[in-house]
Amino acid sequence: MAAQSADPAKKAPKVRAKNRTMLLVLNVVSVIAGILIWWGFSLAGFRLPAPVEVVERAATVIGDGTLATDLAASLSRVLIGFALGTLVAIPVGFLMGWYPVARAFIEPWVQFFRTIPPLAIIPLVIVLLGIGEQPKIFVIFLAAFFACVISTFQGVISVDRTLINAARVLGSKDGGIFVRVVIPASTPFILVGMRVGLGASWATVVAAELIAAQNGLGARMQQAQIFYDLPTIFVNLIAIGILGLLMDRILLFAETKLTGWQERR
């Protein structure tokens, strides 16, 4: 009986490895199918550049350094704005969730301003801050902040009261409960908010660069639009998608490491 009961435990890693391999194969098949569909639309007469044209344009902009310059400009804006927004959002979210008085003061303003799209604030920010880097970083900050602060706040108020009460029974003070119970239980919510904020940051930086920027992926697409240069637009769209996907995978990897105690399907 003991040998039989050990078999499922030995088989589990093999099953997980097989599932991961299957998912990877399906991902590759999905990407290839998407490219073939895209190619089919271009051959059918739709106003789309063929994948070969996009690859050739990508080789050109990589070779002359244009893509690297634009990637560096957009990525630096996203990283700075996203980092600042997240660093401010997490303590504010904890404050709102843990202290009812702070929630009463802060929540109305958060709920009011988060309904205003950061893109709608761009004209005002440009008037107040000019057309340098500050307005672009500021609107990215807003996009990341509101996505993360709400998730952090939701994470704190969703902590199981039984865990908090059990910690109090065992003699923990508020500080210990906050560090050992509230923060770990809120971590999955924070990371989800960061992933949402990252997507919002990329959307915001592209829009900001479309309006007022000399370099960056969004600015390059705006210039390509004027000359109806579809291959360049596609190259920049694909670059944004790949870079955003890689950054999201990094956050997802961090989530699996920081929330290993959580049950997963």
C-alpha atoms as a PDB file:
ATOM      1  CA  MET A   1       0.000   0.000   0.000  1.00  0.00           C
ATOM      2  CA  ALA A   2       2.852   2.366   0.870  1.00  0.00           C
ATOM      3  CA  ALA A   3       4.435   1.840  -2.537  1.00  0.00           C
ATOM      4  CA  GLN A   4       1.145   2.480  -4.254  1.00  0.00           C
ATOM      5  CA  SER A   5       0.509   5.680  -2.257  1.00  0.00           C
ATOM      6  CA  ALA A   6       3.949   6.996  -3.268  1.00  0.00           C
ATOM      7  CA  ASP A   7       3.314   6.527  -6.978  1.00  0.00           C
ATOM      8  CA  PRO A   8       1.109   9.632  -7.451  1.00  0.00           C
ATOM      9  CA  ALA A   9       3.763  11.807  -5.804  1.00  0.00           C
ATOM     10  CA  LYS A  10       6.421  10.460  -8.170  1.00  0.00           C
ATOM     11  CA  LYS A  11       4.199  10.910 -11.205  1.00  0.00           C
ATOM     12  CA  ALA A  12       3.178  14.500 -10.373  1.00  0.00           C
ATOM     13  CA  PRO A  13       6.422  16.196 -11.596  1.00  0.00           C
ATOM     14  CA  LYS A  14       6.287  14.211 -14.839  1.00  0.00           C
ATOM     15  CA  VAL A  15       2.662  15.203 -15.375  1.00  0.00           C
ATOM     16  CA  ARG A  16       3.476  18.885 -14.747  1.00  0.00           C
ATOM     17  CA  ALA A  17       6.440  18.748 -17.135  1.00  0.00           C
ATOM     18  CA  LYS A  18       4.262  17.121 -19.787  1.00  0.00           C
ATOM     19  CA  ASN A  19       1.593  19.800 -19.327  1.00  0.00           C
ATOM     20  CA  ARG A  20       4.171  22.593 -19.642  1.00  0.00           C
ATOM     21  CA  THR A  21       5.539  21.047 -22.824  1.00  0.00           C
ATOM     22  CA  MET A  22       2.037  20.762 -24.259  1.00  0.00           C
ATOM     23  CA  LEU A  23       1.273  24.402 -23.428  1.00  0.00           C
ATOM     24  CA  LEU A  24       4.545  25.519 -25.033  1.00  0.00           C
ATOM     25  CA  VAL A  25       3.717  23.577 -28.204  1.00  0.00           C
ATOM     26  CA  LEU A  26       0.257  25.139 -28.297  1.00  0.00           C
ATOM     27  CA  ASN A  27       1.793  28.606 -27.865  1.00  0.00           C
ATOM     28  CA  VAL A  28       4.098  28.036 -30.832  1.00  0.00           C
ATOM     29  CA  VAL A  29       1.246  26.688 -32.943  1.00  0.00           C
ATOM     30  CA  SER A  30      -0.879  29.703 -32.026  1.00  0.00           C
ATOM     31  CA  VAL A  31       1.864  32.157 -33.051  1.00  0.00           C
ATOM     32  CA  ILE A  32       2.462  30.381 -36.369  1.00  0.00           C
ATOM     33  CA  ALA A  33      -1.283  30.258 -37.067  1.00  0.00           C
ATOM     34  CA  GLY A  34      -1.580  33.980 -36.329  1.00  0.00           C
ATOM     35  CA  ILE A  35       1.240  34.816 -38.744  1.00  0.00           C
ATOM     36  CA  LEU A  36      -0.305  32.640 -41.452  1.00  0.00           C
ATOM     37  CA  ILE A  37      -3.697  34.332 -41.005  1.00  0.00           C
ATOM     38  CA  TRP A  38      -2.019  37.743 -41.189  1.00  0.00           C
ATOM     39  CA  TRP A  39      -0.202  36.679 -44.368  1.00  0.00           C
ATOM     40  CA  GLY A  40      -3.465  35.411 -45.829  1.00  0.00           C
ATOM     41  CA  PHE A  41      -5.188  38.756 -45.222  1.00  0.00           C
ATOM     42  CA  SER A  42      -2.329  40.629 -46.902  1.00  0.00           C
ATOM     43  CA  LEU A  43      -2.463  38.308 -49.938  1.00  0.00           C
ATOM     44  CA  ALA A  44      -6.252  38.704 -50.094  1.00  0.00           C
ATOM     45  CA  GLY A  45      -5.894  42.405 -50.811  1.00  0.00           C
ATOM     46  CA  PHE A  46      -6.390  43.904 -47.352  1.00  0.00           C
ATOM     47  CA  ARG A  47      -4.301  46.977 -46.636  1.00  0.00           C
ATOM     48  CA  LEU A  48      -1.822  45.106 -44.508  1.00  0.00           C
ATOM     49  CA  PRO A  49       1.906  44.713 -45.098  1.00  0.00           C
ATOM     50  CA  ALA A  50       3.051  41.148 -45.606  1.00  0.00           C
ATOM     51  CA  PRO A  51       5.136  39.587 -42.811  1.00  0.00           C
ATOM     52  CA  VAL A  52       8.143  39.594 -45.165  1.00  0.00           C
ATOM     53  CA  GLU A  53       7.884  43.389 -45.600  1.00  0.00           C
ATOM     54  CA  VAL A  54       7.719  43.861 -41.831  1.00  0.00           C
ATOM     55  CA  VAL A  55      10.758  41.636 -41.288  1.00  0.00           C
ATOM     56  CA  GLU A  56      12.704  43.580 -43.922  1.00  0.00           C
ATOM     57  CA  ARG A  57      11.770  46.917 -42.309  1.00  0.00           C
ATOM     58  CA  ALA A  58      12.696  45.523 -38.895  1.00  0.00           C
ATOM     59  CA  ALA A  59      16.115  44.565 -40.219  1.00  0.00           C
ATOM     60  CA  THR A  60      16.549  48.101 -41.579  1.00  0.00           C
ATOM     61  CA  VAL A  61      15.607  49.946 -38.364  1.00  0.00           C
ATOM     62  CA  ILE A  62      17.637  47.528 -36.262  1.00  0.00           C
ATOM     63  CA  GLY A  63      20.626  47.975 -38.523  1.00  0.00           C
ATOM     64  CA  ASP A  64      20.601  51.778 -38.456  1.00  0.00           C
ATOM     65  CA  GLY A  65      19.924  51.919 -34.690  1.00  0.00           C
ATOM     66  CA  THR A  66      16.524  53.626 -34.978  1.00  0.00           C
ATOM     67  CA  LEU A  67      14.614  50.856 -33.212  1.00  0.00           C
ATOM     68  CA  ALA A  68      17.134  50.670 -30.366  1.00  0.00           C
ATOM     69  CA  THR A  69      16.907  54.427 -29.795  1.00  0.00           C
ATOM     70  CA  ASP A  70      13.115  54.415 -29.777  1.00  0.00           C
ATOM     71  CA  LEU A  71      12.960  51.339 -27.548  1.00  0.00           C
ATOM     72  CA  ALA A  72      15.340  52.903 -25.045  1.00  0.00           C
ATOM     73  CA  ALA A  73      13.324  56.144 -24.947  1.00  0.00           C
ATOM     74  CA  SER A  74       9.947  54.453 -24.462  1.00  0.00           C
ATOM     75  CA  LEU A  75      11.263  51.821 -22.048  1.00  0.00           C
ATOM     76  CA  SER A  76      12.953  54.390 -19.809  1.00  0.00           C
ATOM     77  CA  ARG A  77       9.737  56.415 -19.608  1.00  0.00           C
ATOM     78  CA  VAL A  78       7.670  53.341 -18.794  1.00  0.00           C
ATOM     79  CA  LEU A  79      10.083  52.027 -16.166  1.00  0.00           C
ATOM     80  CA  ILE A  80      10.418  55.365 -14.370  1.00  0.00           C
ATOM     81  CA  GLY A  81       6.692  56.157 -14.392  1.00  0.00           C
ATOM     82  CA  PHE A  82       5.682  52.591 -13.517  1.00  0.00           C
ATOM     83  CA  ALA A  83       8.226  52.320 -10.694  1.00  0.00           C
ATOM     84  CA  LEU A  84       7.206  55.659  -9.173  1.00  0.00           C
ATOM     85  CA  GLY A  85       3.506  54.883  -9.484  1.00  0.00           C
ATOM     86  CA  THR A  86       3.898  51.473  -7.867  1.00  0.00           C
ATOM     87  CA  LEU A  87       6.127  52.727  -5.050  1.00  0.00           C
ATOM     88  CA  VAL A  88       3.575  55.383  -4.124  1.00  0.00           C
ATOM     89  CA  ALA A  89       0.496  53.210  -4.686  1.00  0.00           C
ATOM     90  CA  ILE A  90       1.451  50.329  -2.379  1.00  0.00           C
ATOM     91  CA  PRO A  91       1.800  52.363   0.865  1.00  0.00           C
ATOM     92  CA  VAL A  92      -1.267  54.452  -0.006  1.00  0.00           C
ATOM     93  CA  GLY A  93      -3.278  51.261  -0.628  1.00  0.00           C
ATOM     94  CA  PHE A  94      -2.114  49.771   2.664  1.00  0.00           C
ATOM     95  CA  LEU A  95      -2.994  52.997   4.434  1.00  0.00           C
ATOM     96  CA  MET A  96      -6.490  53.038   2.943  1.00  0.00           C
ATOM     97  CA  GLY A  97      -7.142  49.394   3.733  1.00  0.00           C
ATOM     98  CA  TRP A  98      -5.727  49.294   7.255  1.00  0.00           C
ATOM     99  CA  TYR A  99      -6.913  52.613   8.715  1.00  0.00           C
ATOM    100  CA  PRO A 100     -10.620  53.523   8.254  1.00  0.00           C
ATOM    101  CA  VAL A 101      -9.907  57.208   8.936  1.00  0.00           C
ATOM    102  CA  ALA A 102      -7.275  57.326   6.180  1.00  0.00           C
ATOM    103  CA  ARG A 103      -9.675  55.490   3.859  1.00  0.00           C
ATOM    104  CA  ALA A 104     -12.361  58.110   4.520  1.00  0.00           C
ATOM    105  CA  PHE A 105      -9.969  60.903   3.535  1.00  0.00           C
ATOM    106  CA  ILE A 106      -8.189  59.286   0.588  1.00  0.00           C
ATOM    107  CA  GLU A 107     -10.699  56.982  -1.109  1.00  0.00           C
ATOM    108  CA  PRO A 108     -13.038  59.702  -2.506  1.00  0.00           C
ATOM    109  CA  TRP A 109     -10.110  61.345  -4.288  1.00  0.00           C
ATOM    110  CA  VAL A 110      -8.744  58.083  -5.594  1.00  0.00           C
ATOM    111  CA  GLN A 111     -12.141  56.996  -6.880  1.00  0.00           C
ATOM    112  CA  PHE A 112     -12.728  60.406  -8.466  1.00  0.00           C
ATOM    113  CA  PHE A 113      -9.422  60.733 -10.276  1.00  0.00           C
ATOM    114  CA  ARG A 114      -9.165  57.111 -11.378  1.00  0.00           C
ATOM    115  CA  THR A 115     -12.310  57.549 -13.487  1.00  0.00           C
ATOM    116  CA  ILE A 116     -10.477  60.217 -15.494  1.00  0.00           C
ATOM    117  CA  PRO A 117      -8.287  58.513 -18.128  1.00  0.00           C
ATOM    118  CA  PRO A 118      -4.637  59.595 -17.909  1.00  0.00           C
ATOM    119  CA  LEU A 119      -4.832  60.293 -21.654  1.00  0.00           C
ATOM    120  CA  ALA A 120      -7.421  62.986 -20.958  1.00  0.00           C
ATOM    121  CA  ILE A 121      -4.969  64.739 -18.649  1.00  0.00           C
ATOM    122  CA  ILE A 122      -2.190  64.876 -21.256  1.00  0.00           C
ATOM    123  CA  PRO A 123      -3.209  68.288 -22.710  1.00  0.00           C
ATOM    124  CA  LEU A 124      -3.353  69.829 -19.220  1.00  0.00           C
ATOM    125  CA  VAL A 125      -0.039  68.275 -18.202  1.00  0.00           C
ATOM    126  CA  ILE A 126       1.658  69.530 -21.373  1.00  0.00           C
ATOM    127  CA  VAL A 127       0.396  73.060 -20.670  1.00  0.00           C
ATOM    128  CA  LEU A 128       1.641  72.917 -17.070  1.00  0.00           C
ATOM    129  CA  LEU A 129       4.886  70.951 -17.503  1.00  0.00           C
ATOM    130  CA  GLY A 130       5.827  71.548 -21.129  1.00  0.00           C
ATOM    131  CA  ILE A 131       6.763  68.931 -23.716  1.00  0.00           C
ATOM    132  CA  GLY A 132       9.828  67.438 -22.044  1.00  0.00           C
ATOM    133  CA  GLU A 133      10.085  64.115 -20.238  1.00  0.00           C
ATOM    134  CA  GLN A 134       8.218  65.193 -17.094  1.00  0.00           C
ATOM    135  CA  PRO A 135       4.670  65.217 -18.558  1.00  0.00           C
ATOM    136  CA  LYS A 136       5.145  61.802 -20.181  1.00  0.00           C
ATOM    137  CA  ILE A 137       6.461  60.245 -16.984  1.00  0.00           C
ATOM    138  CA  PHE A 138       3.729  61.909 -14.942  1.00  0.00           C
ATOM    139  CA  VAL A 139       0.846  60.470 -16.969  1.00  0.00           C
ATOM    140  CA  ILE A 140       2.491  57.023 -16.852  1.00  0.00           C
ATOM    141  CA  PHE A 141       2.810  57.477 -13.092  1.00  0.00           C
ATOM    142  CA  LEU A 142      -0.922  58.146 -12.868  1.00  0.00           C
ATOM    143  CA  ALA A 143      -1.812  55.097 -14.962  1.00  0.00           C
ATOM    144  CA  ALA A 144       0.336  52.775 -12.837  1.00  0.00           C
ATOM    145  CA  PHE A 145      -0.665  54.387  -9.539  1.00  0.00           C
ATOM    146  CA  PHE A 146      -4.429  54.036  -9.894  1.00  0.00           C
ATOM    147  CA  ALA A 147      -4.225  50.442 -11.127  1.00  0.00           C
ATOM    148  CA  CYS A 148      -1.991  49.377  -8.241  1.00  0.00           C
ATOM    149  CA  VAL A 149      -3.548  51.397  -5.414  1.00  0.00           C
ATOM    150  CA  ILE A 150      -6.980  49.877  -5.948  1.00  0.00           C
ATOM    151  CA  SER A 151      -5.590  46.335  -6.049  1.00  0.00           C
ATOM    152  CA  THR A 152      -3.527  46.895  -2.907  1.00  0.00           C
ATOM    153  CA  PHE A 153      -6.513  48.369  -1.090  1.00  0.00           C
ATOM    154  CA  GLN A 154      -8.696  45.451  -2.192  1.00  0.00           C
ATOM    155  CA  GLY A 155      -6.039  43.014  -1.035  1.00  0.00           C
ATOM    156  CA  VAL A 156      -5.935  44.502   2.467  1.00  0.00           C
ATOM    157  CA  ILE A 157      -9.690  44.556   2.993  1.00  0.00           C
ATOM    158  CA  SER A 158      -9.981  41.013   1.604  1.00  0.00           C
ATOM    159  CA  VAL A 159      -7.673  39.481   4.217  1.00  0.00           C
ATOM    160  CA  ASP A 160      -9.479  36.709   6.074  1.00  0.00           C
ATOM    161  CA  ARG A 161     -10.539  38.109   9.460  1.00  0.00           C
ATOM    162  CA  THR A 162     -10.061  34.660  10.962  1.00  0.00           C
ATOM    163  CA  LEU A 163      -6.322  34.923  10.310  1.00  0.00           C
ATOM    164  CA  ILE A 164      -6.151  38.349  11.937  1.00  0.00           C
ATOM    165  CA  ASN A 165      -8.142  37.206  14.965  1.00  0.00           C
ATOM    166  CA  ALA A 166      -6.028  34.077  15.303  1.00  0.00           C
ATOM    167  CA  ALA A 167      -2.862  36.196  15.269  1.00  0.00           C
ATOM    168  CA  ARG A 168      -4.302  38.432  17.992  1.00  0.00           C
ATOM    169  CA  VAL A 169      -5.212  35.417  20.101  1.00  0.00           C
ATOM    170  CA  LEU A 170      -1.604  34.236  19.791  1.00  0.00           C
ATOM    171  CA  GLY A 171      -0.431  37.594  21.133  1.00  0.00           C
ATOM    172  CA  SER A 172       0.552  39.487  17.981  1.00  0.00           C
ATOM    173  CA  LYS A 173       0.242  43.268  18.017  1.00  0.00           C
ATOM    174  CA  ASP A 174      -1.061  45.322  15.100  1.00  0.00           C
ATOM    175  CA  GLY A 175       2.424  45.790  13.666  1.00  0.00           C
ATOM    176  CA  GLY A 176       3.173  42.082  13.713  1.00  0.00           C
ATOM    177  CA  ILE A 177      -0.222  41.233  12.224  1.00  0.00           C
ATOM    178  CA  PHE A 178       0.330  43.729   9.445  1.00  0.00           C
ATOM    179  CA  VAL A 179       3.784  42.369   8.560  1.00  0.00           C
ATOM    180  CA  ARG A 180       3.103  38.648   8.990  1.00  0.00           C
ATOM    181  CA  VAL A 181      -0.532  38.380   7.869  1.00  0.00           C
ATOM    182  CA  VAL A 182      -1.763  41.392   5.904  1.00  0.00           C
ATOM    183  CA  ILE A 183       1.251  41.950   3.635  1.00  0.00           C
ATOM    184  CA  PRO A 184       1.628  38.279   2.564  1.00  0.00           C
ATOM    185  CA  ALA A 185      -2.132  37.924   2.007  1.00  0.00           C
ATOM    186  CA  SER A 186      -2.212  41.127  -0.043  1.00  0.00           C
ATOM    187  CA  THR A 187       0.803  40.268  -2.219  1.00  0.00           C
ATOM    188  CA  PRO A 188      -1.197  38.430  -4.947  1.00  0.00           C
ATOM    189  CA  PHE A 189      -3.502  41.452  -5.290  1.00  0.00           C
ATOM    190  CA  ILE A 190      -0.536  43.837  -5.460  1.00  0.00           C
ATOM    191  CA  LEU A 191       1.145  41.829  -8.212  1.00  0.00           C
ATOM    192  CA  VAL A 192      -2.075  41.668 -10.230  1.00  0.00           C
ATOM    193  CA  GLY A 193      -2.371  45.439  -9.875  1.00  0.00           C
ATOM    194  CA  MET A 194       1.220  45.825 -11.033  1.00  0.00           C
ATOM    195  CA  ARG A 195       0.529  43.717 -14.125  1.00  0.00           C
ATOM    196  CA  VAL A 196      -2.533  45.809 -14.947  1.00  0.00           C
ATOM    197  CA  GLY A 197      -0.562  48.981 -14.264  1.00  0.00           C
ATOM    198  CA  LEU A 198       2.215  47.829 -16.581  1.00  0.00           C
ATOM    199  CA  GLY A 199      -0.229  47.416 -19.470  1.00  0.00           C
ATOM    200  CA  ALA A 200      -1.750  50.813 -18.714  1.00  0.00           C
ATOM    201  CA  SER A 201       1.743  52.334 -18.626  1.00  0.00           C
ATOM    202  CA  TRP A 202       2.570  51.089 -22.138  1.00  0.00           C
ATOM    203  CA  ALA A 203      -0.757  52.310 -23.497  1.00  0.00           C
ATOM    204  CA  THR A 204      -0.206  55.704 -21.892  1.00  0.00           C
ATOM    205  CA  VAL A 205       3.384  56.203 -23.044  1.00  0.00           C
ATOM    206  CA  VAL A 206       2.479  55.462 -26.648  1.00  0.00           C
ATOM    207  CA  ALA A 207      -0.370  57.980 -26.504  1.00  0.00           C
ATOM    208  CA  ALA A 208       1.861  60.581 -24.860  1.00  0.00           C
ATOM    209  CA  GLU A 209       4.535  60.102 -27.512  1.00  0.00           C
ATOM    210  CA  LEU A 210       1.938  60.446 -30.253  1.00  0.00           C
ATOM    211  CA  ILE A 211       1.125  63.916 -28.970  1.00  0.00           C
ATOM    212  CA  ALA A 212       4.476  65.392 -28.002  1.00  0.00           C
ATOM    213  CA  ALA A 213       7.747  63.518 -28.475  1.00  0.00           C
ATOM    214  CA  GLN A 214      10.717  63.562 -30.807  1.00  0.00           C
ATOM    215  CA  ASN A 215      11.629  59.924 -30.217  1.00  0.00           C
ATOM    216  CA  GLY A 216      10.038  56.772 -28.886  1.00  0.00           C
ATOM    217  CA  LEU A 217       7.913  54.024 -30.405  1.00  0.00           C
ATOM    218  CA  GLY A 218       4.753  56.124 -30.377  1.00  0.00           C
ATOM    219  CA  ALA A 219       6.453  59.096 -32.010  1.00  0.00           C
ATOM    220  CA  ARG A 220       7.908  56.835 -34.705  1.00  0.00           C
ATOM    221  CA  MET A 221       4.453  55.440 -35.474  1.00  0.00           C
ATOM    222  CA  GLN A 222       3.060  58.956 -35.712  1.00  0.00           C
ATOM    223  CA  GLN A 223       5.735  59.876 -38.251  1.00  0.00           C
ATOM    224  CA  ALA A 224       5.122  56.643 -40.178  1.00  0.00           C
ATOM    225  CA  GLN A 225       1.387  57.392 -40.302  1.00  0.00           C
ATOM    226  CA  ILE A 226       2.042  60.669 -42.110  1.00  0.00           C
ATOM    227  CA  PHE A 227       3.853  58.823 -44.899  1.00  0.00           C
ATOM    228  CA  TYR A 228       1.506  55.814 -44.805  1.00  0.00           C
ATOM    229  CA  ASP A 229       4.461  53.625 -43.835  1.00  0.00           C
ATOM    230  CA  LEU A 230       2.597  50.554 -42.584  1.00  0.00           C
ATOM    231  CA  PRO A 231       5.647  48.261 -42.197  1.00  0.00           C
ATOM    232  CA  THR A 232       7.224  50.718 -39.746  1.00  0.00           C
ATOM    233  CA  ILE A 233       3.991  50.938 -37.783  1.00  0.00           C
ATOM    234  CA  PHE A 234       3.827  47.149 -37.574  1.00  0.00           C
ATOM    235  CA  VAL A 235       7.457  46.885 -36.470  1.00  0.00           C
ATOM    236  CA  ASN A 236       6.844  49.281 -33.592  1.00  0.00           C
ATOM    237  CA  LEU A 237       3.572  47.610 -32.618  1.00  0.00           C
ATOM    238  CA  ILE A 238       5.277  44.219 -32.508  1.00  0.00           C
ATOM    239  CA  ALA A 239       8.172  45.676 -30.500  1.00  0.00           C
ATOM    240  CA  ILE A 240       5.744  47.079 -27.926  1.00  0.00           C
ATOM    241  CA  GLY A 241       3.911  43.772 -27.715  1.00  0.00           C
ATOM    242  CA  ILE A 242       7.078  41.721 -27.268  1.00  0.00           C
ATOM    243  CA  LEU A 243       8.574  44.078 -24.704  1.00  0.00           C
ATOM    244  CA  GLY A 244       5.320  44.306 -22.747  1.00  0.00           C
ATOM    245  CA  LEU A 245       4.965  40.519 -22.819  1.00  0.00           C
ATOM    246  CA  LEU A 246       8.499  40.012 -21.498  1.00  0.00           C
ATOM    247  CA  MET A 247       7.939  42.465 -18.665  1.00  0.00           C
ATOM    248  CA  ASP A 248       4.632  40.806 -17.814  1.00  0.00           C
ATOM    249  CA  ARG A 249       6.336  37.388 -17.720  1.00  0.00           C
ATOM    250  CA  ILE A 250       8.885  38.808 -15.269  1.00  0.00           C
ATOM    251  CA  LEU A 251       6.089  39.976 -12.980  1.00  0.00           C
ATOM    252  CA  LEU A 252       4.352  36.612 -13.356  1.00  0.00           C
ATOM    253  CA  PHE A 253       7.580  34.819 -12.403  1.00  0.00           C
ATOM    254  CA  ALA A 254       7.894  37.078  -9.349  1.00  0.00           C
ATOM    255  CA  GLU A 255       4.305  36.249  -8.457  1.00  0.00           C
ATOM    256  CA  THR A 256       4.969  32.498  -8.502  1.00  0.00           C
ATOM    257  CA  LYS A 257       8.022  32.977  -6.258  1.00  0.00           C
ATOM    258  CA  LEU A 258       6.380  35.359  -3.784  1.00  0.00           C
ATOM    259  CA  THR A 259       3.063  33.507  -3.536  1.00  0.00           C
ATOM    260  CA  GLY A 260       4.261  29.909  -3.540  1.00  0.00           C
ATOM    261  CA  TRP A 261       2.039  29.231  -0.532  1.00  0.00           C
ATOM    262  CA  GLN A 262      -1.087  29.955  -2.569  1.00  0.00           C
ATOM    263  CA  GLU A 263      -3.038  27.074  -4.081  1.00  0.00           C
ATOM    264  CA  ARG A 264      -2.826  26.943  -7.868  1.00  0.00           C
ATOM    265  CA  ARG A 265      -4.805  25.121 -10.483  1.00  0.00           C
END
